[in-house]
């Protein structure tokens, strides 16, 4: 069981000699993994480039050497780190999917839960916070704006920090920070203080997706890479938890109006935030005490800790109850001996520099290498921007929209029902993306069109029951849209530049989300104007999706 010292450390030296077998006996046959034009899928790691020929039959030392040389030639980087990272990639590929990866799926899912748990949780507190602190409904939206400031800074910081200090400390600390400041926000003393605490918890929440995605992808075999899209289901779980708790707390422990509202009779939103903070901190404790997370082997190699990197891969094999051929001798034979290359391990600054290189002109330029890829890149970034703003304009303020025509109890009941309806969305999308003639583009475009139309339908009536039908259907199709877009985006970009393309898409999405509350506050005095804007943005995304030139169904990533 991990202890607190291990939480703050990324050192791990336990060996598992019982899982080590000779190279040929520990490698999978060539047809065990999906292949592209080169015979081997390279999509499981952002560091992989176009591959060369892969030897057939059992994997031998010379065949492995030839495979690494081919990858190195394609990537343009030839250091001890790059060579040994290629060896680790193949070793994890041969270990395959097992208990360790499924455990990570759940633990990384907690990060996805926290992401939507707090986005929706903050939205659910806007009305009672406005009443208690004497701010208008419009001004209360600055609380959401504060959260998004934290999300953007957190995503930027933790993405780079995980490359500098290691995946494991970052993986644990993001939820820890979120839980601590979430609990503190429940005792917010005033309007400014509460917004500041929301921004601070956003620093932790914002790091969950980039760090968790990196942790999961670096341990995921290529023939199981479609599981990444399943993580989107956890978003709906976060929404469900927040909405159910809000339904239980806020109608029963909130003041009726701003004139009679005091802290003493308005504890509903505080109970909600304290509970969400406790849940987030409990998820952090689960990560620390219920699962042994091995540090990223590639990070360890980059810091010259080869023995620990080998131990980590062997630990994954041990957890999966299988074997591996990876040893230090094989790493040394192909990648070079540590004593011969003492100065070739990457320093902290070099690691940070490599992280920042993902957003350099040299990394962005290949995304426009061909006309077809350039169109895809522009349209995908456009979709992420429009959806980021449209999603936030509607969902972040949905409780306020619902409360305009119904009581507090009905408002939070209807919001909870809306959240429940969103859960099956990603599951249906996961199925339809592989149906012939529908695929990724068809599923994504259809769900986006229906989402946009339903937003306009929501504004056509003031009947709470009809609004409930519209918001529930919108939630269902919206989650299909988001789930498929999240899986489609990395499939389109070429492997060497996948991190850059996906990272910029995520950044544009967050920035647009930050702008949404500002637009909602200042753009118009009409309370439904933000919903019209959200519908128009979603429909603009639909039009862009119709012109996407690449369908990734049944094709391997570039």
Protein backbone atom coordinates (compact mmCIF):
# COMPACT_ATOMS: atom_id res chain seq x y z
CA UNK A 1 0.00 0.00 0.00
CA UNK A 2 1.42 3.41 -0.92
CA UNK A 3 2.39 5.74 1.92
CA UNK A 4 2.56 9.54 2.12
CA UNK A 5 6.27 9.54 1.33
CA UNK A 6 5.50 7.77 -1.95
CA UNK A 7 2.81 10.34 -2.73
CA UNK A 8 5.40 13.12 -2.91
CA UNK A 9 8.02 10.93 -4.57
CA UNK A 10 8.34 9.27 -7.95
CA UNK A 11 11.01 6.79 -6.85
CA UNK A 12 10.26 3.09 -7.18
CA UNK A 13 12.82 0.34 -7.24
CA UNK A 14 10.92 -2.87 -6.59
CA UNK A 15 11.92 -5.53 -9.08
CA UNK A 16 9.77 -8.33 -10.50
CA UNK A 17 12.24 -10.91 -11.87
CA UNK A 18 9.55 -13.59 -11.95
CA UNK A 19 7.77 -11.91 -14.89
CA UNK A 20 10.86 -11.72 -17.13
CA UNK A 21 11.13 -14.20 -20.01
CA UNK A 22 13.43 -14.42 -23.05
CA UNK A 23 12.75 -11.87 -25.77
CA UNK A 24 11.15 -14.18 -28.34
CA UNK A 25 8.91 -15.81 -25.72
CA UNK A 26 7.59 -12.53 -24.38
CA UNK A 27 6.67 -10.89 -27.69
CA UNK A 28 3.29 -11.13 -29.34
CA UNK A 29 2.79 -12.41 -32.89
CA UNK A 30 2.71 -9.73 -35.54
CA UNK A 31 -1.05 -10.01 -36.11
CA UNK A 32 -1.92 -9.39 -32.46
CA UNK A 33 -2.07 -5.66 -33.09
CA UNK A 34 -3.79 -3.55 -35.73
CA UNK A 35 -1.48 -2.56 -38.54
CA UNK A 36 -1.18 0.36 -40.92
CA UNK A 37 0.93 0.66 -44.04
CA UNK A 38 3.99 -0.25 -41.98
CA UNK A 39 2.58 -3.32 -40.28
CA UNK A 40 2.38 -1.85 -36.78
CA UNK A 41 0.05 0.78 -35.30
CA UNK A 42 1.96 3.76 -33.93
CA UNK A 43 -1.01 5.66 -32.54
CA UNK A 44 -0.63 4.89 -28.85
CA UNK A 45 2.06 7.46 -28.19
CA UNK A 46 2.47 11.05 -29.26
CA UNK A 47 6.19 10.49 -29.58
CA UNK A 48 5.86 7.95 -32.36
CA UNK A 49 6.30 8.88 -35.93
CA UNK A 50 5.68 7.08 -39.18
CA UNK A 51 7.14 3.64 -38.85
CA UNK A 52 9.25 1.58 -41.14
CA UNK A 53 8.92 -2.10 -41.89
CA UNK A 54 8.36 -4.36 -38.96
CA UNK A 55 10.00 -7.78 -39.00
CA UNK A 56 7.71 -10.74 -39.23
CA UNK A 57 7.70 -13.76 -36.93
CA UNK A 58 9.09 -13.79 -33.39
CA UNK A 59 10.72 -10.64 -32.14
CA UNK A 60 14.48 -11.03 -31.78
CA UNK A 61 17.08 -8.61 -30.54
CA UNK A 62 18.13 -7.74 -34.08
CA UNK A 63 14.52 -7.35 -35.22
CA UNK A 64 13.84 -5.05 -32.29
CA UNK A 65 16.98 -3.06 -33.10
CA UNK A 66 15.84 -2.68 -36.73
CA UNK A 67 12.40 -1.53 -35.58
CA UNK A 68 13.89 1.09 -33.25
CA UNK A 69 16.28 2.32 -35.96
CA UNK A 70 13.35 2.71 -38.34
CA UNK A 71 11.35 4.72 -35.78
CA UNK A 72 14.34 6.91 -34.96
CA UNK A 73 14.88 7.71 -38.61
CA UNK A 74 11.25 8.75 -39.01
CA UNK A 75 11.05 10.85 -35.84
CA UNK A 76 14.13 12.99 -36.46
CA UNK A 77 15.33 12.63 -32.85
CA UNK A 78 18.24 10.30 -32.14
CA UNK A 79 19.24 10.31 -28.47
CA UNK A 80 19.60 7.63 -25.84
CA UNK A 81 16.24 8.72 -24.48
CA UNK A 82 14.47 8.38 -27.83
CA UNK A 83 15.89 4.92 -28.47
CA UNK A 84 14.95 3.61 -25.06
CA UNK A 85 11.50 5.19 -25.24
CA UNK A 86 10.86 3.20 -28.45
CA UNK A 87 11.88 -0.01 -26.68
CA UNK A 88 9.49 0.76 -23.80
CA UNK A 89 6.66 1.45 -26.26
CA UNK A 90 7.07 -2.00 -27.79
CA UNK A 91 7.37 -3.70 -24.40
CA UNK A 92 4.08 -2.20 -23.17
CA UNK A 93 2.50 -3.14 -26.49
CA UNK A 94 3.50 -6.77 -25.96
CA UNK A 95 2.24 -6.82 -22.36
CA UNK A 96 -1.23 -5.89 -23.63
CA UNK A 97 -4.40 -4.69 -21.92
CA UNK A 98 -5.00 -5.96 -18.41
CA UNK A 99 -5.87 -5.20 -14.79
CA UNK A 100 -3.42 -2.34 -14.53
CA UNK A 101 -4.93 -0.44 -17.47
CA UNK A 102 -8.51 -1.06 -16.31
CA UNK A 103 -7.59 0.23 -12.87
CA UNK A 104 -6.15 3.33 -14.51
CA UNK A 105 -9.34 3.69 -16.55
CA UNK A 106 -11.31 4.06 -13.32
CA UNK A 107 -8.78 6.32 -11.61
CA UNK A 108 -8.36 8.54 -14.67
CA UNK A 109 -12.14 8.58 -14.95
CA UNK A 110 -12.15 10.27 -11.56
CA UNK A 111 -10.33 13.18 -13.17
CA UNK A 112 -13.04 13.40 -15.83
CA UNK A 113 -15.68 13.21 -13.07
CA UNK A 114 -14.01 16.08 -11.19
CA UNK A 115 -13.85 18.20 -14.36
CA UNK A 116 -17.61 18.23 -14.91
CA UNK A 117 -18.43 17.83 -11.22
CA UNK A 118 -17.08 21.32 -10.54
CA UNK A 119 -18.17 22.97 -13.78
CA UNK A 120 -21.75 21.93 -13.07
CA UNK A 121 -21.36 22.31 -9.31
CA UNK A 122 -20.36 25.97 -9.61
CA UNK A 123 -23.23 26.56 -12.04
CA UNK A 124 -25.66 25.11 -9.50
CA UNK A 125 -24.53 27.56 -6.80
CA UNK A 126 -24.91 30.77 -8.79
CA UNK A 127 -28.46 31.68 -7.70
CA UNK A 128 -28.06 31.05 -3.94
CA UNK A 129 -24.65 32.78 -3.98
CA UNK A 130 -26.19 35.81 -5.71
CA UNK A 131 -28.90 35.99 -3.05
CA UNK A 132 -26.50 35.68 -0.11
CA UNK A 133 -23.83 38.12 -1.27
CA UNK A 134 -26.19 40.63 -2.85
CA UNK A 135 -25.06 40.41 -6.46
CA UNK A 136 -27.26 40.25 -9.54
CA UNK A 137 -27.96 37.05 -11.48
CA UNK A 138 -25.76 38.34 -14.29
CA UNK A 139 -22.86 39.30 -12.02
CA UNK A 140 -22.98 35.89 -10.35
CA UNK A 141 -21.69 34.44 -13.61
CA UNK A 142 -18.26 35.83 -12.76
CA UNK A 143 -17.99 32.79 -10.45
CA UNK A 144 -17.95 30.57 -13.54
CA UNK A 145 -15.47 32.96 -15.15
CA UNK A 146 -13.19 32.59 -12.11
CA UNK A 147 -13.33 28.82 -12.38
CA UNK A 148 -12.34 28.95 -16.06
CA UNK A 149 -9.35 31.18 -15.26
CA UNK A 150 -8.14 28.45 -12.92
CA UNK A 151 -8.88 25.75 -15.48
CA UNK A 152 -6.79 27.43 -18.18
CA UNK A 153 -3.83 28.13 -15.89
CA UNK A 154 -4.04 24.66 -14.36
CA UNK A 155 -4.13 22.90 -17.73
CA UNK A 156 -1.08 24.85 -18.93
CA UNK A 157 0.91 24.42 -15.73
CA UNK A 158 0.26 20.77 -14.96
CA UNK A 159 0.76 19.65 -18.55
CA UNK A 160 4.34 20.95 -18.41
CA UNK A 161 4.88 20.09 -14.72
CA UNK A 162 4.08 16.44 -15.35
CA UNK A 163 6.95 16.37 -17.85
CA UNK A 164 9.29 18.00 -15.32
CA UNK A 165 8.48 16.39 -11.95
CA UNK A 166 6.87 13.19 -13.18
CA UNK A 167 3.41 11.86 -13.93
CA UNK A 168 2.74 10.30 -10.55
CA UNK A 169 3.13 13.40 -8.34
CA UNK A 170 1.09 15.49 -10.80
CA UNK A 171 -1.55 12.75 -11.10
CA UNK A 172 -2.07 12.78 -7.32
CA UNK A 173 -1.63 16.47 -6.60
CA UNK A 174 -4.25 17.73 -9.07
CA UNK A 175 -7.13 16.06 -7.23
CA UNK A 176 -5.54 16.89 -3.86
CA UNK A 177 -5.48 20.63 -4.66
CA UNK A 178 -8.99 20.48 -6.07
CA UNK A 179 -10.32 18.70 -2.97
CA UNK A 180 -8.63 21.06 -0.49
CA UNK A 181 -9.80 24.27 -2.17
CA UNK A 182 -13.20 22.73 -2.82
CA UNK A 183 -13.66 22.19 0.90
CA UNK A 184 -12.38 25.71 1.56
CA UNK A 185 -14.84 27.19 -0.95
CA UNK A 186 -17.68 25.80 1.13
CA UNK A 187 -16.73 28.36 3.78
CA UNK A 188 -16.40 31.28 1.36
CA UNK A 189 -16.62 34.45 3.48
CA UNK A 190 -17.77 36.85 0.78
CA UNK A 191 -18.32 37.21 -2.96
CA UNK A 192 -14.71 37.97 -3.90
CA UNK A 193 -13.32 35.33 -1.57
CA UNK A 194 -15.63 32.63 -2.95
CA UNK A 195 -14.69 33.48 -6.56
CA UNK A 196 -11.00 33.36 -5.60
CA UNK A 197 -11.42 29.91 -4.05
CA UNK A 198 -13.27 28.71 -7.16
CA UNK A 199 -10.31 29.88 -9.25
CA UNK A 200 -7.87 28.05 -6.96
CA UNK A 201 -9.76 24.77 -7.15
CA UNK A 202 -9.79 25.27 -10.92
CA UNK A 203 -5.98 25.10 -10.82
CA UNK A 204 -6.31 21.47 -9.73
CA UNK A 205 -9.29 20.56 -11.90
CA UNK A 206 -7.62 22.02 -15.00
CA UNK A 207 -4.67 19.67 -14.65
CA UNK A 208 -6.75 16.51 -14.50
CA UNK A 209 -7.45 16.03 -18.20
CA UNK A 210 -3.93 16.63 -19.62
CA UNK A 211 -2.17 14.68 -16.86
CA UNK A 212 -4.66 11.82 -16.69
CA UNK A 213 -4.71 11.48 -20.47
CA UNK A 214 -0.90 11.27 -20.53
CA UNK A 215 -0.84 8.67 -17.74
CA UNK A 216 -3.49 6.54 -19.45
CA UNK A 217 -2.12 6.77 -22.99
CA UNK A 218 1.44 5.89 -21.98
CA UNK A 219 0.24 2.60 -20.51
CA UNK A 220 -2.36 1.75 -23.15
CA UNK A 221 -1.64 -0.86 -25.85
CA UNK A 222 -2.45 0.33 -29.39
CA UNK A 223 -5.11 -2.31 -29.99
CA UNK A 224 -7.07 -0.88 -27.04
CA UNK A 225 -6.70 2.81 -27.90
CA UNK A 226 -10.45 3.18 -28.60
CA UNK A 227 -11.03 2.88 -24.85
CA UNK A 228 -9.87 6.49 -24.56
CA UNK A 229 -13.20 7.63 -26.02
CA UNK A 230 -14.97 5.76 -23.22
CA UNK A 231 -13.53 8.19 -20.68
CA UNK A 232 -16.08 10.75 -21.89
CA UNK A 233 -18.76 8.72 -20.08
CA UNK A 234 -17.27 9.86 -16.78
CA UNK A 235 -18.21 13.46 -17.60
CA UNK A 236 -21.89 12.52 -17.37
CA UNK A 237 -21.25 10.82 -14.04
CA UNK A 238 -19.81 14.08 -12.71
CA UNK A 239 -22.87 16.00 -13.87
CA UNK A 240 -25.18 13.41 -12.30
CA UNK A 241 -23.45 13.55 -8.90
CA UNK A 242 -23.50 17.35 -8.80
CA UNK A 243 -27.14 17.62 -9.89
CA UNK A 244 -28.43 14.99 -7.46
CA UNK A 245 -26.67 16.60 -4.52
CA UNK A 246 -27.91 20.05 -5.55
CA UNK A 247 -31.47 18.73 -5.74
CA UNK A 248 -31.13 17.39 -2.19
CA UNK A 249 -29.46 20.44 -0.62
CA UNK A 250 -30.38 23.70 -2.31
CA UNK A 251 -34.22 23.54 -2.35
CA UNK A 252 -34.26 22.51 1.32
CA UNK A 253 -31.54 24.75 2.77
CA UNK A 254 -31.73 27.99 0.80
CA UNK A 255 -33.32 31.40 1.38
CA UNK A 256 -36.27 32.44 -0.73
CA UNK A 257 -35.16 35.91 -1.83
CA UNK A 258 -32.26 38.33 -1.70
CA UNK A 259 -34.09 40.54 0.83
CA UNK A 260 -34.27 37.81 3.51
CA UNK A 261 -31.06 35.97 2.65
CA UNK A 262 -28.32 35.51 5.24
CA UNK A 263 -25.57 32.97 5.73
CA UNK A 264 -27.57 31.32 8.51
CA UNK A 265 -30.56 30.45 6.27
CA UNK A 266 -28.64 29.81 3.04
CA UNK A 267 -26.44 26.81 3.73
CA UNK A 268 -27.68 24.76 0.77
CA UNK A 269 -24.95 25.85 -1.66
CA UNK A 270 -22.32 25.46 1.08
CA UNK A 271 -23.46 21.91 1.81
CA UNK A 272 -23.20 21.18 -1.90
CA UNK A 273 -19.68 22.61 -2.30
CA UNK A 274 -18.45 20.93 0.91
CA UNK A 275 -19.80 17.57 -0.28
CA UNK A 276 -18.25 17.96 -3.72
CA UNK A 277 -14.96 18.88 -2.06
CA UNK A 278 -15.17 15.81 0.17
CA UNK A 279 -15.92 13.57 -2.82
CA UNK A 280 -12.97 15.02 -4.73
CA UNK A 281 -10.64 14.54 -1.77
CA UNK A 282 -11.93 10.97 -1.35
CA UNK A 283 -11.05 10.29 -5.01
CA UNK A 284 -7.56 11.61 -4.30
CA UNK A 285 -7.25 9.20 -1.36
CA UNK A 286 -8.38 6.33 -3.60
CA UNK A 287 -5.57 7.17 -6.02
CA UNK A 288 -2.99 7.16 -3.25
CA UNK A 289 -4.07 4.18 -1.14
CA UNK A 290 -6.07 1.84 -3.37
CA UNK A 291 -3.84 1.64 -6.44
CA UNK A 292 -0.12 1.30 -7.07
CA UNK A 293 0.66 3.76 -9.83
CA UNK A 294 4.00 3.22 -11.49
CA UNK A 295 5.82 6.31 -12.67
CA UNK A 296 5.94 6.74 -16.43
CA UNK A 297 8.84 4.58 -17.69
CA UNK A 298 9.63 7.14 -20.38
CA UNK A 299 9.86 9.92 -17.80
CA UNK A 300 12.23 7.78 -15.74
CA UNK A 301 14.44 7.10 -18.76
CA UNK A 302 14.54 10.80 -19.53
CA UNK A 303 15.96 11.42 -16.05
CA UNK A 304 18.62 8.69 -16.36
CA UNK A 305 16.78 6.28 -14.04
CA UNK A 306 16.76 3.29 -16.34
CA UNK A 307 16.59 0.67 -13.58
CA UNK A 308 13.36 2.20 -12.29
CA UNK A 309 11.92 2.43 -15.80
CA UNK A 310 12.48 -1.29 -16.35
CA UNK A 311 11.02 -2.03 -12.91
CA UNK A 312 7.92 0.01 -13.79
CA UNK A 313 7.29 -1.97 -17.00
CA UNK A 314 7.86 -5.22 -15.15
CA UNK A 315 5.45 -4.01 -12.47
CA UNK A 316 2.76 -3.46 -15.10
CA UNK A 317 3.32 -7.00 -16.39
CA UNK A 318 3.13 -8.30 -12.80
CA UNK A 319 -0.15 -6.46 -12.20
CA UNK A 320 -1.56 -7.90 -15.45
CA UNK A 321 -0.41 -11.40 -14.47
CA UNK A 322 1.62 -11.76 -17.64
CA UNK A 323 5.28 -11.59 -18.69
CA UNK A 324 7.65 -9.19 -20.37
CA UNK A 325 10.98 -9.48 -22.16
CA UNK A 326 12.21 -6.04 -21.09
CA UNK A 327 15.44 -5.99 -19.08
CA UNK A 328 18.22 -3.50 -18.53
CA UNK A 329 20.48 -5.63 -20.73
CA UNK A 330 18.14 -5.22 -23.71
CA UNK A 331 17.81 -1.48 -23.04
CA UNK A 332 21.61 -1.16 -22.91
CA UNK A 333 22.26 -3.30 -25.96
CA UNK A 334 19.98 -1.28 -28.22
CA UNK A 335 19.79 2.12 -26.53
CA UNK A 336 23.32 2.36 -25.18
CA UNK A 337 24.95 1.85 -21.81
CA UNK A 338 24.33 4.54 -19.17
CA UNK A 339 28.03 4.98 -18.34
CA UNK A 340 28.73 5.69 -22.01
CA UNK A 341 26.05 8.36 -22.23
CA UNK A 342 25.95 10.01 -18.82
CA UNK A 343 25.34 13.41 -20.33
CA UNK A 344 22.58 12.33 -22.69
CA UNK A 345 19.77 12.05 -20.15
CA UNK A 346 17.43 15.00 -20.37
CA UNK A 347 17.61 17.75 -17.75
CA UNK A 348 14.50 19.39 -16.31
CA UNK A 349 14.91 22.38 -18.62
CA UNK A 350 15.34 20.13 -21.65
CA UNK A 351 12.14 18.26 -20.74
CA UNK A 352 10.24 21.54 -20.35
CA UNK A 353 11.70 22.74 -23.65
CA UNK A 354 10.45 19.58 -25.38
CA UNK A 355 7.01 20.13 -23.88
CA UNK A 356 6.92 23.69 -25.18
CA UNK A 357 8.16 22.53 -28.60
CA UNK A 358 4.76 20.94 -29.11
CA UNK A 359 3.42 24.46 -29.68
CA UNK A 360 6.29 25.72 -31.84
CA UNK A 361 5.99 26.62 -35.51
CA UNK A 362 7.92 23.47 -36.38
CA UNK A 363 5.25 21.36 -34.69
CA UNK A 364 2.25 23.32 -35.99
CA UNK A 365 3.45 23.54 -39.59
CA UNK A 366 3.07 19.77 -40.29
CA UNK A 367 -0.62 20.05 -39.40
CA UNK A 368 -0.98 22.04 -42.64
CA UNK A 369 1.31 19.83 -44.72
CA UNK A 370 -1.39 18.88 -47.21
CA UNK A 371 -4.53 20.70 -48.29
CA UNK A 372 -6.72 17.92 -46.87
CA UNK A 373 -4.99 17.92 -43.50
CA UNK A 374 -4.96 21.73 -43.35
CA UNK A 375 -8.72 21.90 -43.89
CA UNK A 376 -9.26 19.25 -41.23
CA UNK A 377 -7.04 21.09 -38.74
CA UNK A 378 -8.80 24.43 -39.22
CA UNK A 379 -12.28 22.92 -39.05
CA UNK A 380 -11.52 20.86 -35.94
CA UNK A 381 -10.10 23.87 -34.11
CA UNK A 382 -13.14 25.88 -35.21
CA UNK A 383 -15.48 23.19 -33.85
CA UNK A 384 -13.70 23.02 -30.50
CA UNK A 385 -13.88 26.81 -30.15
CA UNK A 386 -17.55 27.11 -31.04
CA UNK A 387 -18.60 24.13 -28.93
CA UNK A 388 -16.53 25.34 -25.98
CA UNK A 389 -18.40 28.64 -25.96
CA UNK A 390 -21.81 27.25 -26.90
CA UNK A 391 -21.66 24.45 -24.31
CA UNK A 392 -20.74 26.87 -21.53
CA UNK A 393 -23.30 29.53 -22.50
CA UNK A 394 -26.09 27.01 -22.02
CA UNK A 395 -24.93 24.39 -19.51
CA UNK A 396 -23.04 26.63 -17.09
CA UNK A 397 -26.18 28.74 -16.59
CA UNK A 398 -28.90 26.13 -17.11
CA UNK A 399 -30.11 26.30 -13.48
CA UNK A 400 -30.70 30.03 -13.95
CA UNK A 401 -32.62 29.44 -17.17
CA UNK A 402 -34.78 26.76 -15.53
CA UNK A 403 -35.45 28.83 -12.41
CA UNK A 404 -36.99 31.67 -14.46
CA UNK A 405 -40.21 29.68 -14.91
CA UNK A 406 -40.33 27.25 -11.97
CA UNK A 407 -39.81 26.90 -8.23
CA UNK A 408 -36.44 26.10 -6.68
CA UNK A 409 -37.41 22.46 -6.10
CA UNK A 410 -38.64 21.97 -9.68
CA UNK A 411 -35.53 23.71 -11.03
CA UNK A 412 -33.07 21.35 -9.36
CA UNK A 413 -35.26 18.31 -9.94
CA UNK A 414 -35.37 19.04 -13.66
CA UNK A 415 -31.63 19.66 -13.73
CA UNK A 416 -31.03 16.25 -12.12
CA UNK A 417 -33.28 14.56 -14.69
CA UNK A 418 -31.40 16.35 -17.47
CA UNK A 419 -28.11 15.03 -16.10
CA UNK A 420 -29.37 11.45 -15.98
CA UNK A 421 -30.44 11.64 -19.63
CA UNK A 422 -26.90 12.55 -20.68
CA UNK A 423 -25.27 9.37 -19.37
CA UNK A 424 -26.28 6.96 -22.19
CA UNK A 425 -25.14 9.46 -24.86
CA UNK A 426 -21.46 8.49 -25.11
CA UNK A 427 -22.36 4.80 -24.97
CA UNK A 428 -24.63 5.12 -28.02
CA UNK A 429 -22.01 7.22 -29.78
CA UNK A 430 -19.37 4.57 -29.04
CA UNK A 431 -21.58 2.07 -30.90
CA UNK A 432 -22.67 4.17 -33.89
CA UNK A 433 -19.17 5.40 -34.82
CA UNK A 434 -18.39 1.94 -36.22
CA UNK A 435 -21.61 1.56 -38.23
CA UNK A 436 -21.03 1.61 -41.98
CA UNK A 437 -22.09 4.83 -43.76
CA UNK A 438 -22.41 6.64 -40.41
CA UNK A 439 -18.97 6.54 -38.83
CA UNK A 440 -17.38 9.29 -36.78
CA UNK A 441 -18.41 12.19 -39.01
CA UNK A 442 -22.01 11.07 -39.37
CA UNK A 443 -22.50 10.46 -35.67
CA UNK A 444 -20.82 13.72 -34.73
CA UNK A 445 -22.64 15.87 -37.29
CA UNK A 446 -26.08 14.41 -36.60
CA UNK A 447 -25.79 14.77 -32.83
CA UNK A 448 -24.47 18.33 -33.20
CA UNK A 449 -27.34 19.34 -35.49
CA UNK A 450 -29.95 17.93 -33.11
CA UNK A 451 -28.24 19.62 -30.15
CA UNK A 452 -28.36 23.01 -31.86
CA UNK A 453 -32.01 22.65 -32.86
CA UNK A 454 -33.01 21.62 -29.34
CA UNK A 455 -31.37 24.74 -27.90
CA UNK A 456 -33.67 26.90 -30.01
CA UNK A 457 -36.65 24.73 -29.05
CA UNK A 458 -35.80 25.35 -25.37
CA UNK A 459 -36.42 29.09 -25.86
CA UNK A 460 -39.73 28.61 -27.68
CA UNK A 461 -41.76 27.99 -24.53
CA UNK A 462 -41.89 28.89 -20.84
CA UNK A 463 -43.59 25.64 -19.85
CA UNK A 464 -41.19 23.91 -17.39
CA UNK A 465 -42.24 20.45 -18.59
CA UNK A 466 -41.50 21.18 -22.24
CA UNK A 467 -38.23 22.83 -21.27
CA UNK A 468 -37.37 19.66 -19.34
CA UNK A 469 -37.95 17.54 -22.45
CA UNK A 470 -35.78 19.85 -24.55
CA UNK A 471 -32.95 20.06 -22.00
CA UNK A 472 -32.97 16.28 -21.45
CA UNK A 473 -32.79 15.48 -25.15
CA UNK A 474 -30.17 18.20 -25.60
CA UNK A 475 -28.06 16.64 -22.83
CA UNK A 476 -28.27 13.21 -24.48
CA UNK A 477 -27.22 14.33 -27.96
CA UNK A 478 -24.71 16.84 -26.60
CA UNK A 479 -22.79 14.07 -24.81
CA UNK A 480 -22.70 12.04 -28.04
CA UNK A 481 -21.30 15.11 -29.81
CA UNK A 482 -18.62 15.76 -27.22
CA UNK A 483 -17.65 12.09 -26.82
CA UNK A 484 -17.17 11.49 -30.54
CA UNK A 485 -15.37 14.81 -31.10
CA UNK A 486 -12.98 13.96 -28.27
CA UNK A 487 -12.15 10.59 -29.86
CA UNK A 488 -12.11 11.85 -33.48
CA UNK A 489 -9.70 14.73 -32.91
CA UNK A 490 -6.52 12.75 -32.11
CA UNK A 491 -7.32 10.21 -34.84
CA UNK A 492 -7.10 12.87 -37.54
CA UNK A 493 -3.77 14.42 -36.57
CA UNK A 494 -0.52 12.63 -37.55
CA UNK A 495 1.19 10.91 -34.62
CA UNK A 496 4.29 13.15 -34.33
CA UNK A 497 2.08 16.25 -34.08
CA UNK A 498 -0.96 14.77 -32.37
CA UNK A 499 -0.16 16.36 -29.02
CA UNK A 500 0.14 19.78 -30.60
CA UNK A 501 -3.09 19.56 -32.58
CA UNK A 502 -5.11 18.16 -29.69
CA UNK A 503 -3.51 20.54 -27.19
CA UNK A 504 -4.36 23.62 -29.23
CA UNK A 505 -7.92 22.34 -29.68
CA UNK A 506 -8.28 21.90 -25.91
CA UNK A 507 -6.76 25.34 -25.26
CA UNK A 508 -9.17 27.03 -27.68
CA UNK A 509 -12.04 25.19 -26.03
CA UNK A 510 -11.07 26.46 -22.57
CA UNK A 511 -10.48 30.04 -23.73
CA UNK A 512 -13.87 30.08 -25.45
CA UNK A 513 -15.41 28.71 -22.25
CA UNK A 514 -13.82 31.57 -20.32
CA UNK A 515 -15.30 34.12 -22.71
CA UNK A 516 -18.81 32.64 -22.46
CA UNK A 517 -19.69 34.09 -19.01
CA UNK A 518 -18.43 37.52 -20.09
CA UNK A 519 -20.61 37.38 -23.20
CA UNK A 520 -23.55 36.19 -21.09
CA UNK A 521 -23.11 39.12 -18.72
CA UNK A 522 -22.56 42.01 -21.12
CA UNK A 523 -23.87 41.02 -24.55
CA UNK A 524 -27.58 41.51 -23.97
CA UNK A 525 -30.22 42.17 -21.35
CA UNK A 526 -32.45 39.52 -22.92
CA UNK A 527 -32.19 36.44 -20.62
CA UNK A 528 -32.53 33.99 -23.52
CA UNK A 529 -30.01 35.74 -25.78
CA UNK A 530 -27.12 33.54 -24.54
CA UNK A 531 -29.15 30.45 -25.47
CA UNK A 532 -29.69 31.79 -29.00
CA UNK A 533 -25.96 32.41 -29.22
CA UNK A 534 -25.24 28.89 -27.94
CA UNK A 535 -27.58 27.37 -30.54
CA UNK A 536 -26.01 29.40 -33.35
CA UNK A 537 -22.47 28.35 -32.30
CA UNK A 538 -23.45 24.68 -32.15
CA UNK A 539 -25.07 24.87 -35.59
CA UNK A 540 -21.95 26.58 -36.94
CA UNK A 541 -20.00 23.58 -35.64
CA UNK A 542 -22.41 21.27 -37.47
CA UNK A 543 -21.74 23.06 -40.76
CA UNK A 544 -17.99 22.76 -40.19
CA UNK A 545 -18.33 19.04 -39.46
CA UNK A 546 -20.12 18.50 -42.74
CA UNK A 547 -17.03 19.77 -44.57
CA UNK A 548 -14.51 17.65 -42.66
CA UNK A 549 -12.63 15.77 -45.40
CA UNK A 550 -11.35 12.87 -43.29
CA UNK A 551 -13.41 9.95 -42.00
CA UNK A 552 -11.37 7.83 -39.56
CA UNK A 553 -13.75 4.88 -39.32
CA UNK A 554 -11.91 1.65 -40.06
CA UNK A 555 -8.61 3.44 -40.65
CA UNK A 556 -5.45 3.53 -38.60
CA UNK A 557 -4.11 6.82 -37.28
CA UNK A 558 -1.44 8.49 -39.37
